[in-house]
Amino acid sequence: QCLAAAAATEGTKVVVRADFGVDGKIAKSVTAAFGKKIKDKALMILTADMDADKFMVVACAPKSLKDVDCKAWVVASTEGTNGKGGGKKDTAQFTIPGVSHIDAVMEKAKTF
């Protein structure tokens, strides 16, 4: 799903919703697999846990992609949601309470 979105996306940022719950290990596996195949785009995944009413935002970028700061991207996208997390220029992860915020976060991420 992430690779298909990358192929269909112009520019250097890919934003995808893929609900697999709030599981950092799965997110790391997905971002690692994406990074091996796509070397010129950054990825942001939004994944919800409907039962717990929260979602996770994970971003990663290849080190060669200098114009994307993952932490700044996630912070700007989740602004005003009471999300918690952290990261660096090439990877960031936040957890946000309230799945109702996910569409707004996705829109902000796409326009960052």
PDB file of N, CA and C in Angstrom:
ATOM      1  N   GLN A   1       0.829  -1.196   0.000  1.00  0.00           N
ATOM      2  CA  GLN A   1       0.000   0.000   0.000  1.00  0.00           C
ATOM      3  C   GLN A   1       0.869   1.254   0.000  1.00  0.00           C
ATOM      4  N   CYS A   2       1.912   1.270   0.803  1.00  0.00           N
ATOM      5  CA  CYS A   2       2.809   2.423   0.878  1.00  0.00           C
ATOM      6  C   CYS A   2       3.584   2.598  -0.432  1.00  0.00           C
ATOM      7  N   LEU A   3       4.013   1.484  -1.019  1.00  0.00           N
ATOM      8  CA  LEU A   3       4.768   1.556  -2.276  1.00  0.00           C
ATOM      9  C   LEU A   3       3.886   2.059  -3.404  1.00  0.00           C
ATOM     10  N   ALA A   4       2.624   1.632  -3.430  1.00  0.00           N
ATOM     11  CA  ALA A   4       1.689   2.101  -4.456  1.00  0.00           C
ATOM     12  C   ALA A   4       1.444   3.597  -4.306  1.00  0.00           C
ATOM     13  N   ALA A   5       1.312   4.049  -3.062  1.00  0.00           N
ATOM     14  CA  ALA A   5       1.109   5.480  -2.818  1.00  0.00           C
ATOM     15  C   ALA A   5       2.334   6.276  -3.256  1.00  0.00           C
ATOM     16  N   ALA A   6       3.519   5.736  -3.031  1.00  0.00           N
ATOM     17  CA  ALA A   6       4.757   6.415  -3.440  1.00  0.00           C
ATOM     18  C   ALA A   6       4.804   6.566  -4.946  1.00  0.00           C
ATOM     19  N   ALA A   7       4.408   5.513  -5.661  1.00  0.00           N
ATOM     20  CA  ALA A   7       4.418   5.554  -7.121  1.00  0.00           C
ATOM     21  C   ALA A   7       3.429   6.587  -7.653  1.00  0.00           C
ATOM     22  N   ALA A   8       2.328   6.782  -6.935  1.00  0.00           N
ATOM     23  CA  ALA A   8       1.279   7.700  -7.381  1.00  0.00           C
ATOM     24  C   ALA A   8       1.489   9.128  -6.892  1.00  0.00           C
ATOM     25  N   THR A   9       2.487   9.353  -6.069  1.00  0.00           N
ATOM     26  CA  THR A   9       2.696  10.659  -5.460  1.00  0.00           C
ATOM     27  C   THR A   9       3.796  11.434  -6.173  1.00  0.00           C
ATOM     28  N   GLU A  10       3.449  12.657  -6.570  1.00  0.00           N
ATOM     29  CA  GLU A  10       4.484  13.553  -7.085  1.00  0.00           C
ATOM     30  C   GLU A  10       5.094  14.263  -5.888  1.00  0.00           C
ATOM     31  N   GLY A  11       6.322  14.709  -6.022  1.00  0.00           N
ATOM     32  CA  GLY A  11       6.974  15.362  -4.899  1.00  0.00           C
ATOM     33  C   GLY A  11       7.713  14.360  -4.035  1.00  0.00           C
ATOM     34  N   THR A  12       8.156  14.829  -2.874  1.00  0.00           N
ATOM     35  CA  THR A  12       9.025  14.002  -2.040  1.00  0.00           C
ATOM     36  C   THR A  12       8.352  13.463  -0.784  1.00  0.00           C
ATOM     37  N   LYS A  13       7.053  13.745  -0.584  1.00  0.00           N
ATOM     38  CA  LYS A  13       6.385  13.275   0.634  1.00  0.00           C
ATOM     39  C   LYS A  13       5.175  12.411   0.306  1.00  0.00           C
ATOM     40  N   VAL A  14       5.110  11.244   0.939  1.00  0.00           N
ATOM     41  CA  VAL A  14       4.008  10.300   0.762  1.00  0.00           C
ATOM     42  C   VAL A  14       3.266  10.201   2.096  1.00  0.00           C
ATOM     43  N   VAL A  15       1.940  10.381   2.072  1.00  0.00           N
ATOM     44  CA  VAL A  15       1.125  10.276   3.287  1.00  0.00           C
ATOM     45  C   VAL A  15       0.105   9.165   3.074  1.00  0.00           C
ATOM     46  N   VAL A  16       0.090   8.185   3.996  1.00  0.00           N
ATOM     47  CA  VAL A  16      -0.751   6.999   3.849  1.00  0.00           C
ATOM     48  C   VAL A  16      -1.440   6.683   5.172  1.00  0.00           C
ATOM     49  N   ARG A  17      -2.710   6.279   5.081  1.00  0.00           N
ATOM     50  CA  ARG A  17      -3.380   5.725   6.265  1.00  0.00           C
ATOM     51  C   ARG A  17      -3.445   4.220   6.086  1.00  0.00           C
ATOM     52  N   ALA A  18      -2.894   3.497   7.038  1.00  0.00           N
ATOM     53  CA  ALA A  18      -2.873   2.033   7.014  1.00  0.00           C
ATOM     54  C   ALA A  18      -3.096   1.556   8.443  1.00  0.00           C
ATOM     55  N   ASP A  19      -4.304   1.198   8.775  1.00  0.00           N
ATOM     56  CA  ASP A  19      -4.630   0.866  10.166  1.00  0.00           C
ATOM     57  C   ASP A  19      -4.137  -0.511  10.577  1.00  0.00           C
ATOM     58  N   PHE A  20      -3.094  -0.510  11.420  1.00  0.00           N
ATOM     59  CA  PHE A  20      -2.604  -1.753  12.020  1.00  0.00           C
ATOM     60  C   PHE A  20      -2.459  -1.587  13.522  1.00  0.00           C
ATOM     61  N   GLY A  21      -3.196  -0.620  14.080  1.00  0.00           N
ATOM     62  CA  GLY A  21      -3.144  -0.358  15.514  1.00  0.00           C
ATOM     63  C   GLY A  21      -1.954   0.519  15.854  1.00  0.00           C
ATOM     64  N   VAL A  22      -1.770   0.761  17.113  1.00  0.00           N
ATOM     65  CA  VAL A  22      -0.673   1.598  17.584  1.00  0.00           C
ATOM     66  C   VAL A  22       0.454   0.667  18.030  1.00  0.00           C
ATOM     67  N   ASP A  23       1.220   0.192  17.054  1.00  0.00           N
ATOM     68  CA  ASP A  23       2.269  -0.791  17.297  1.00  0.00           C
ATOM     69  C   ASP A  23       3.564  -0.304  16.659  1.00  0.00           C
ATOM     70  N   GLY A  24       4.473   0.167  17.497  1.00  0.00           N
ATOM     71  CA  GLY A  24       5.738   0.709  17.013  1.00  0.00           C
ATOM     72  C   GLY A  24       6.586  -0.288  16.245  1.00  0.00           C
ATOM     73  N   LYS A  25       6.519  -1.570  16.610  1.00  0.00           N
ATOM     74  CA  LYS A  25       7.327  -2.584  15.916  1.00  0.00           C
ATOM     75  C   LYS A  25       6.852  -2.778  14.479  1.00  0.00           C
ATOM     76  N   ILE A  26       5.529  -2.817  14.297  1.00  0.00           N
ATOM     77  CA  ILE A  26       5.001  -2.944  12.929  1.00  0.00           C
ATOM     78  C   ILE A  26       5.368  -1.696  12.133  1.00  0.00           C
ATOM     79  N   ALA A  27       5.204  -0.532  12.742  1.00  0.00           N
ATOM     80  CA  ALA A  27       5.532   0.725  12.057  1.00  0.00           C
ATOM     81  C   ALA A  27       6.990   0.740  11.623  1.00  0.00           C
ATOM     82  N   LYS A  28       7.875   0.273  12.489  1.00  0.00           N
ATOM     83  CA  LYS A  28       9.295   0.237  12.147  1.00  0.00           C
ATOM     84  C   LYS A  28       9.565  -0.714  10.980  1.00  0.00           C
ATOM     85  N   SER A  29       8.891  -1.857  10.982  1.00  0.00           N
ATOM     86  CA  SER A  29       9.050  -2.822   9.882  1.00  0.00           C
ATOM     87  C   SER A  29       8.581  -2.228   8.558  1.00  0.00           C
ATOM     88  N   VAL A  30       7.438  -1.543   8.590  1.00  0.00           N
ATOM     89  CA  VAL A  30       6.885  -0.946   7.368  1.00  0.00           C
ATOM     90  C   VAL A  30       7.804   0.159   6.850  1.00  0.00           C
ATOM     91  N   THR A  31       8.269   1.034   7.743  1.00  0.00           N
ATOM     92  CA  THR A  31       9.133   2.134   7.296  1.00  0.00           C
ATOM     93  C   THR A  31      10.479   1.609   6.791  1.00  0.00           C
ATOM     94  N   ALA A  32      10.985   0.554   7.411  1.00  0.00           N
ATOM     95  CA  ALA A  32      12.256  -0.028   6.954  1.00  0.00           C
ATOM     96  C   ALA A  32      12.105  -0.631   5.561  1.00  0.00           C
ATOM     97  N   ALA A  33      11.008  -1.352   5.337  1.00  0.00           N
ATOM     98  CA  ALA A  33      10.760  -1.955   4.022  1.00  0.00           C
ATOM     99  C   ALA A  33      10.588  -0.878   2.960  1.00  0.00           C
ATOM    100  N   PHE A  34       9.883   0.193   3.314  1.00  0.00           N
ATOM    101  CA  PHE A  34       9.680   1.309   2.386  1.00  0.00           C
ATOM    102  C   PHE A  34      11.025   1.945   2.027  1.00  0.00           C
ATOM    103  N   GLY A  35      11.849   2.176   3.046  1.00  0.00           N
ATOM    104  CA  GLY A  35      13.157   2.801   2.843  1.00  0.00           C
ATOM    105  C   GLY A  35      14.087   1.996   1.956  1.00  0.00           C
ATOM    106  N   LYS A  36      13.946   0.679   1.970  1.00  0.00           N
ATOM    107  CA  LYS A  36      14.794  -0.169   1.117  1.00  0.00           C
ATOM    108  C   LYS A  36      14.396  -0.049  -0.352  1.00  0.00           C
ATOM    109  N   LYS A  37      13.112   0.184  -0.612  1.00  0.00           N
ATOM    110  CA  LYS A  37      12.617   0.226  -1.993  1.00  0.00           C
ATOM    111  C   LYS A  37      12.553   1.642  -2.570  1.00  0.00           C
ATOM    112  N   ILE A  38      12.217   2.625  -1.730  1.00  0.00           N
ATOM    113  CA  ILE A  38      12.024   4.001  -2.198  1.00  0.00           C
ATOM    114  C   ILE A  38      13.109   4.880  -1.572  1.00  0.00           C
ATOM    115  N   LYS A  39      14.027   5.359  -2.404  1.00  0.00           N
ATOM    116  CA  LYS A  39      15.180   6.106  -1.889  1.00  0.00           C
ATOM    117  C   LYS A  39      15.033   7.621  -2.011  1.00  0.00           C
ATOM    118  N   ASP A  40      13.950   8.092  -2.668  1.00  0.00           N
ATOM    119  CA  ASP A  40      13.866   9.530  -2.942  1.00  0.00           C
ATOM    120  C   ASP A  40      12.604  10.188  -2.386  1.00  0.00           C
ATOM    121  N   LYS A  41      11.902   9.487  -1.460  1.00  0.00           N
ATOM    122  CA  LYS A  41      10.683  10.055  -0.887  1.00  0.00           C
ATOM    123  C   LYS A  41      10.605   9.756   0.606  1.00  0.00           C
ATOM    124  N   ALA A  42       9.982  10.691   1.325  1.00  0.00           N
ATOM    125  CA  ALA A  42       9.706  10.500   2.746  1.00  0.00           C
ATOM    126  C   ALA A  42       8.321   9.894   2.895  1.00  0.00           C
ATOM    127  N   LEU A  43       8.108   9.136   3.955  1.00  0.00           N
ATOM    128  CA  LEU A  43       6.835   8.464   4.200  1.00  0.00           C
ATOM    129  C   LEU A  43       6.265   8.870   5.545  1.00  0.00           C
ATOM    130  N   MET A  44       4.954   9.168   5.565  1.00  0.00           N
ATOM    131  CA  MET A  44       4.233   9.350   6.817  1.00  0.00           C
ATOM    132  C   MET A  44       3.072   8.370   6.819  1.00  0.00           C
ATOM    133  N   ILE A  45       2.996   7.575   7.878  1.00  0.00           N
ATOM    134  CA  ILE A  45       1.912   6.612   8.045  1.00  0.00           C
ATOM    135  C   ILE A  45       1.050   7.061   9.223  1.00  0.00           C
ATOM    136  N   LEU A  46      -0.259   7.046   9.024  1.00  0.00           N
ATOM    137  CA  LEU A  46      -1.206   7.272  10.102  1.00  0.00           C
ATOM    138  C   LEU A  46      -1.921   5.955  10.320  1.00  0.00           C
ATOM    139  N   THR A  47      -1.890   5.456  11.556  1.00  0.00           N
ATOM    140  CA  THR A  47      -2.500   4.164  11.862  1.00  0.00           C
ATOM    141  C   THR A  47      -3.321   4.275  13.144  1.00  0.00           C
ATOM    142  N   ALA A  48      -4.582   3.850  13.060  1.00  0.00           N
ATOM    143  CA  ALA A  48      -5.507   4.025  14.178  1.00  0.00           C
ATOM    144  C   ALA A  48      -5.749   2.729  14.941  1.00  0.00           C
ATOM    145  N   ASP A  49      -5.998   2.897  16.235  1.00  0.00           N
ATOM    146  CA  ASP A  49      -6.508   1.831  17.092  1.00  0.00           C
ATOM    147  C   ASP A  49      -7.888   2.309  17.538  1.00  0.00           C
ATOM    148  N   MET A  50      -8.919   1.884  16.810  1.00  0.00           N
ATOM    149  CA  MET A  50     -10.280   2.381  17.054  1.00  0.00           C
ATOM    150  C   MET A  50     -10.765   2.042  18.468  1.00  0.00           C
ATOM    151  N   ASP A  51     -10.441   0.850  18.972  1.00  0.00           N
ATOM    152  CA  ASP A  51     -10.902   0.435  20.300  1.00  0.00           C
ATOM    153  C   ASP A  51     -10.318   1.313  21.399  1.00  0.00           C
ATOM    154  N   ALA A  52      -9.057   1.699  21.249  1.00  0.00           N
ATOM    155  CA  ALA A  52      -8.396   2.539  22.253  1.00  0.00           C
ATOM    156  C   ALA A  52      -8.619   4.020  21.976  1.00  0.00           C
ATOM    157  N   ASP A  53      -9.249   4.355  20.842  1.00  0.00           N
ATOM    158  CA  ASP A  53      -9.515   5.732  20.421  1.00  0.00           C
ATOM    159  C   ASP A  53      -8.247   6.583  20.422  1.00  0.00           C
ATOM    160  N   LYS A  54      -7.220   6.057  19.726  1.00  0.00           N
ATOM    161  CA  LYS A  54      -5.992   6.810  19.541  1.00  0.00           C
ATOM    162  C   LYS A  54      -5.353   6.374  18.233  1.00  0.00           C
ATOM    163  N   PHE A  55      -4.429   7.184  17.763  1.00  0.00           N
ATOM    164  CA  PHE A  55      -3.723   6.802  16.557  1.00  0.00           C
ATOM    165  C   PHE A  55      -2.275   7.239  16.635  1.00  0.00           C
ATOM    166  N   MET A  56      -1.479   6.648  15.759  1.00  0.00           N
ATOM    167  CA  MET A  56      -0.044   6.905  15.739  1.00  0.00           C
ATOM    168  C   MET A  56       0.311   7.514  14.385  1.00  0.00           C
ATOM    169  N   VAL A  57       1.233   8.452  14.436  1.00  0.00           N
ATOM    170  CA  VAL A  57       1.771   9.060  13.225  1.00  0.00           C
ATOM    171  C   VAL A  57       3.265   8.756  13.213  1.00  0.00           C
ATOM    172  N   VAL A  58       3.728   8.116  12.138  1.00  0.00           N
ATOM    173  CA  VAL A  58       5.134   7.749  12.012  1.00  0.00           C
ATOM    174  C   VAL A  58       5.648   8.310  10.694  1.00  0.00           C
ATOM    175  N   ALA A  59       6.798   8.957  10.746  1.00  0.00           N
ATOM    176  CA  ALA A  59       7.401   9.486   9.517  1.00  0.00           C
ATOM    177  C   ALA A  59       8.847   9.034   9.429  1.00  0.00           C
ATOM    178  N   CYS A  60       9.293   8.800   8.191  1.00  0.00           N
ATOM    179  CA  CYS A  60      10.686   8.450   7.964  1.00  0.00           C
ATOM    180  C   CYS A  60      11.117   9.041   6.630  1.00  0.00           C
ATOM    181  N   ALA A  61      12.394   9.314   6.528  1.00  0.00           N
ATOM    182  CA  ALA A  61      12.949   9.853   5.287  1.00  0.00           C
ATOM    183  C   ALA A  61      14.361   9.323   5.116  1.00  0.00           C
ATOM    184  N   PRO A  62      14.768   9.077   3.866  1.00  0.00           N
ATOM    185  CA  PRO A  62      16.156   8.674   3.646  1.00  0.00           C
ATOM    186  C   PRO A  62      17.090   9.830   3.984  1.00  0.00           C
ATOM    187  N   LYS A  63      18.256   9.518   4.506  1.00  0.00           N
ATOM    188  CA  LYS A  63      19.203  10.568   4.895  1.00  0.00           C
ATOM    189  C   LYS A  63      19.590  11.445   3.702  1.00  0.00           C
ATOM    190  N   SER A  64      19.494  10.896   2.493  1.00  0.00           N
ATOM    191  CA  SER A  64      19.850  11.667   1.303  1.00  0.00           C
ATOM    192  C   SER A  64      18.817  12.741   0.961  1.00  0.00           C
ATOM    193  N   LEU A  65      17.634  12.658   1.565  1.00  0.00           N
ATOM    194  CA  LEU A  65      16.574  13.630   1.302  1.00  0.00           C
ATOM    195  C   LEU A  65      16.699  14.771   2.304  1.00  0.00           C
ATOM    196  N   LYS A  66      17.393  15.816   1.914  1.00  0.00           N
ATOM    197  CA  LYS A  66      17.750  16.894   2.843  1.00  0.00           C
ATOM    198  C   LYS A  66      16.602  17.859   3.132  1.00  0.00           C
ATOM    199  N   ASP A  67      15.582  17.935   2.255  1.00  0.00           N
ATOM    200  CA  ASP A  67      14.553  18.965   2.423  1.00  0.00           C
ATOM    201  C   ASP A  67      13.367  18.528   3.278  1.00  0.00           C
ATOM    202  N   VAL A  68      13.408  17.322   3.845  1.00  0.00           N
ATOM    203  CA  VAL A  68      12.313  16.862   4.707  1.00  0.00           C
ATOM    204  C   VAL A  68      12.849  16.629   6.116  1.00  0.00           C
ATOM    205  N   ASP A  69      12.248  17.332   7.089  1.00  0.00           N
ATOM    206  CA  ASP A  69      12.566  17.142   8.501  1.00  0.00           C
ATOM    207  C   ASP A  69      11.370  16.413   9.117  1.00  0.00           C
ATOM    208  N   CYS A  70      11.522  15.124   9.368  1.00  0.00           N
ATOM    209  CA  CYS A  70      10.405  14.301   9.844  1.00  0.00           C
ATOM    210  C   CYS A  70       9.809  14.814  11.152  1.00  0.00           C
ATOM    211  N   LYS A  71      10.666  15.208  12.084  1.00  0.00           N
ATOM    212  CA  LYS A  71      10.131  15.683  13.362  1.00  0.00           C
ATOM    213  C   LYS A  71       9.296  16.938  13.152  1.00  0.00           C
ATOM    214  N   ALA A  72       9.792  17.894  12.364  1.00  0.00           N
ATOM    215  CA  ALA A  72       9.041  19.124  12.095  1.00  0.00           C
ATOM    216  C   ALA A  72       7.734  18.805  11.374  1.00  0.00           C
ATOM    217  N   TRP A  73       7.779  17.845  10.443  1.00  0.00           N
ATOM    218  CA  TRP A  73       6.600  17.437   9.683  1.00  0.00           C
ATOM    219  C   TRP A  73       5.522  16.865  10.606  1.00  0.00           C
ATOM    220  N   VAL A  74       5.919  15.959  11.506  1.00  0.00           N
ATOM    221  CA  VAL A  74       4.956  15.342  12.426  1.00  0.00           C
ATOM    222  C   VAL A  74       4.446  16.366  13.436  1.00  0.00           C
ATOM    223  N   VAL A  75       5.320  17.197  13.968  1.00  0.00           N
ATOM    224  CA  VAL A  75       4.903  18.212  14.946  1.00  0.00           C
ATOM    225  C   VAL A  75       3.883  19.164  14.308  1.00  0.00           C
ATOM    226  N   ALA A  76       4.161  19.635  13.088  1.00  0.00           N
ATOM    227  CA  ALA A  76       3.247  20.555  12.411  1.00  0.00           C
ATOM    228  C   ALA A  76       1.911  19.877  12.095  1.00  0.00           C
ATOM    229  N   SER A  77       1.963  18.613  11.704  1.00  0.00           N
ATOM    230  CA  SER A  77       0.751  17.887  11.327  1.00  0.00           C
ATOM    231  C   SER A  77      -0.147  17.579  12.519  1.00  0.00           C
ATOM    232  N   THR A  78       0.454  17.366  13.689  1.00  0.00           N
ATOM    233  CA  THR A  78      -0.312  16.976  14.878  1.00  0.00           C
ATOM    234  C   THR A  78      -0.579  18.148  15.819  1.00  0.00           C
ATOM    235  N   GLU A  79      -0.235  19.346  15.404  1.00  0.00           N
ATOM    236  CA  GLU A  79      -0.418  20.535  16.250  1.00  0.00           C
ATOM    237  C   GLU A  79      -1.874  20.652  16.718  1.00  0.00           C
ATOM    238  N   GLY A  80      -2.044  20.909  18.016  1.00  0.00           N
ATOM    239  CA  GLY A  80      -3.373  21.096  18.583  1.00  0.00           C
ATOM    240  C   GLY A  80      -4.116  19.820  18.936  1.00  0.00           C
ATOM    241  N   THR A  81      -3.449  18.664  18.875  1.00  0.00           N
ATOM    242  CA  THR A  81      -4.122  17.385  19.124  1.00  0.00           C
ATOM    243  C   THR A  81      -3.745  16.756  20.468  1.00  0.00           C
ATOM    244  N   ASN A  82      -2.861  17.387  21.233  1.00  0.00           N
ATOM    245  CA  ASN A  82      -2.336  16.810  22.481  1.00  0.00           C
ATOM    246  C   ASN A  82      -1.543  15.531  22.240  1.00  0.00           C
ATOM    247  N   GLY A  83      -0.950  15.429  21.053  1.00  0.00           N
ATOM    248  CA  GLY A  83      -0.128  14.266  20.730  1.00  0.00           C
ATOM    249  C   GLY A  83       1.182  14.290  21.490  1.00  0.00           C
ATOM    250  N   LYS A  84       1.735  13.108  21.713  1.00  0.00           N
ATOM    251  CA  LYS A  84       3.012  12.978  22.412  1.00  0.00           C
ATOM    252  C   LYS A  84       3.946  12.120  21.586  1.00  0.00           C
ATOM    253  N   GLY A  85       5.207  12.479  21.592  1.00  0.00           N
ATOM    254  CA  GLY A  85       6.182  11.687  20.864  1.00  0.00           C
ATOM    255  C   GLY A  85       7.469  12.437  20.684  1.00  0.00           C
ATOM    256  N   GLY A  86       8.223  12.037  19.690  1.00  0.00           N
ATOM    257  CA  GLY A  86       9.507  12.673  19.448  1.00  0.00           C
ATOM    258  C   GLY A  86      10.117  12.130  18.181  1.00  0.00           C
ATOM    259  N   GLY A  87      11.355  12.521  17.969  1.00  0.00           N
ATOM    260  CA  GLY A  87      12.036  12.031  16.790  1.00  0.00           C
ATOM    261  C   GLY A  87      13.211  12.902  16.403  1.00  0.00           C
ATOM    262  N   LYS A  88      13.671  12.658  15.188  1.00  0.00           N
ATOM    263  CA  LYS A  88      14.822  13.368  14.626  1.00  0.00           C
ATOM    264  C   LYS A  88      14.469  13.779  13.207  1.00  0.00           C
ATOM    265  N   LYS A  89      15.457  14.291  12.496  1.00  0.00           N
ATOM    266  CA  LYS A  89      15.229  14.740  11.125  1.00  0.00           C
ATOM    267  C   LYS A  89      14.793  13.597  10.213  1.00  0.00           C
ATOM    268  N   ASP A  90      15.337  12.401  10.416  1.00  0.00           N
ATOM    269  CA  ASP A  90      15.040  11.298   9.499  1.00  0.00           C
ATOM    270  C   ASP A  90      13.960  10.327   9.987  1.00  0.00           C
ATOM    271  N   THR A  91      13.488  10.491  11.225  1.00  0.00           N
ATOM    272  CA  THR A  91      12.419   9.620  11.724  1.00  0.00           C
ATOM    273  C   THR A  91      11.729  10.265  12.926  1.00  0.00           C
ATOM    274  N   ALA A  92      10.408  10.084  13.004  1.00  0.00           N
ATOM    275  CA  ALA A  92       9.647  10.635  14.126  1.00  0.00           C
ATOM    276  C   ALA A  92       8.396   9.796  14.344  1.00  0.00           C
ATOM    277  N   GLN A  93       7.912   9.799  15.591  1.00  0.00           N
ATOM    278  CA  GLN A  93       6.724   9.019  15.937  1.00  0.00           C
ATOM    279  C   GLN A  93       5.949   9.739  17.033  1.00  0.00           C
ATOM    280  N   PHE A  94       4.653   9.921  16.819  1.00  0.00           N
ATOM    281  CA  PHE A  94       3.777  10.540  17.809  1.00  0.00           C
ATOM    282  C   PHE A  94       2.540   9.679  17.979  1.00  0.00           C
ATOM    283  N   THR A  95       1.961   9.683  19.189  1.00  0.00           N
ATOM    284  CA  THR A  95       0.684   9.033  19.466  1.00  0.00           C
ATOM    285  C   THR A  95      -0.298  10.127  19.857  1.00  0.00           C
ATOM    286  N   ILE A  96      -1.493  10.067  19.252  1.00  0.00           N
ATOM    287  CA  ILE A  96      -2.487  11.115  19.442  1.00  0.00           C
ATOM    288  C   ILE A  96      -3.773  10.509  19.983  1.00  0.00           C
ATOM    289  N   PRO A  97      -4.315  11.087  21.084  1.00  0.00           N
ATOM    290  CA  PRO A  97      -5.604  10.611  21.595  1.00  0.00           C
ATOM    291  C   PRO A  97      -6.737  11.136  20.712  1.00  0.00           C
ATOM    292  N   GLY A  98      -7.738  10.299  20.474  1.00  0.00           N
ATOM    293  CA  GLY A  98      -8.905  10.734  19.708  1.00  0.00           C
ATOM    294  C   GLY A  98      -8.763  10.504  18.218  1.00  0.00           C
ATOM    295  N   VAL A  99      -9.297   9.384  17.735  1.00  0.00           N
ATOM    296  CA  VAL A  99      -9.214   9.046  16.316  1.00  0.00           C
ATOM    297  C   VAL A  99      -9.914  10.106  15.466  1.00  0.00           C
ATOM    298  N   SER A 100     -10.805  10.876  16.075  1.00  0.00           N
ATOM    299  CA  SER A 100     -11.529  11.914  15.332  1.00  0.00           C
ATOM    300  C   SER A 100     -10.594  12.959  14.716  1.00  0.00           C
ATOM    301  N   HIS A 101      -9.375  13.068  15.208  1.00  0.00           N
ATOM    302  CA  HIS A 101      -8.400  14.042  14.680  1.00  0.00           C
ATOM    303  C   HIS A 101      -7.674  13.550  13.426  1.00  0.00           C
ATOM    304  N   ILE A 102      -7.819  12.274  13.077  1.00  0.00           N
ATOM    305  CA  ILE A 102      -6.941  11.674  12.063  1.00  0.00           C
ATOM    306  C   ILE A 102      -7.067  12.338  10.690  1.00  0.00           C
ATOM    307  N   ASP A 103      -8.272  12.701  10.277  1.00  0.00           N
ATOM    308  CA  ASP A 103      -8.442  13.309   8.954  1.00  0.00           C
ATOM    309  C   ASP A 103      -7.781  14.677   8.879  1.00  0.00           C
ATOM    310  N   ALA A 104      -7.922  15.472   9.939  1.00  0.00           N
ATOM    311  CA  ALA A 104      -7.302  16.799   9.971  1.00  0.00           C
ATOM    312  C   ALA A 104      -5.782  16.690   9.957  1.00  0.00           C
ATOM    313  N   VAL A 105      -5.247  15.734  10.693  1.00  0.00           N
ATOM    314  CA  VAL A 105      -3.795  15.515  10.718  1.00  0.00           C
ATOM    315  C   VAL A 105      -3.305  15.098   9.331  1.00  0.00           C
ATOM    316  N   MET A 106      -4.066  14.236   8.674  1.00  0.00           N
ATOM    317  CA  MET A 106      -3.682  13.777   7.345  1.00  0.00           C
ATOM    318  C   MET A 106      -3.654  14.949   6.354  1.00  0.00           C
ATOM    319  N   GLU A 107      -4.641  15.826   6.430  1.00  0.00           N
ATOM    320  CA  GLU A 107      -4.687  16.994   5.533  1.00  0.00           C
ATOM    321  C   GLU A 107      -3.504  17.921   5.789  1.00  0.00           C
ATOM    322  N   LYS A 108      -3.200  18.178   7.059  1.00  0.00           N
ATOM    323  CA  LYS A 108      -2.038  19.029   7.388  1.00  0.00           C
ATOM    324  C   LYS A 108      -0.751  18.405   6.874  1.00  0.00           C
ATOM    325  N   ALA A 109      -0.638  17.088   7.005  1.00  0.00           N
ATOM    326  CA  ALA A 109       0.579  16.385   6.563  1.00  0.00           C
ATOM    327  C   ALA A 109       0.758  16.536   5.064  1.00  0.00           C
ATOM    328  N   LYS A 110      -0.317  16.457   4.315  1.00  0.00           N
ATOM    329  CA  LYS A 110      -0.241  16.539   2.851  1.00  0.00           C
ATOM    330  C   LYS A 110       0.148  17.934   2.375  1.00  0.00           C
ATOM    331  N   THR A 111      -0.174  18.956   3.170  1.00  0.00           N
ATOM    332  CA  THR A 111       0.126  20.325   2.738  1.00  0.00           C
ATOM    333  C   THR A 111       1.385  20.897   3.369  1.00  0.00           C
ATOM    334  N   PHE A 112       2.062  20.111   4.204  1.00  0.00           N
ATOM    335  CA  PHE A 112       3.282  20.607   4.881  1.00  0.00           C
ATOM    336  C   PHE A 112       4.377  20.867   3.862  1.00  0.00           C
TER     337      PHE A 112
END
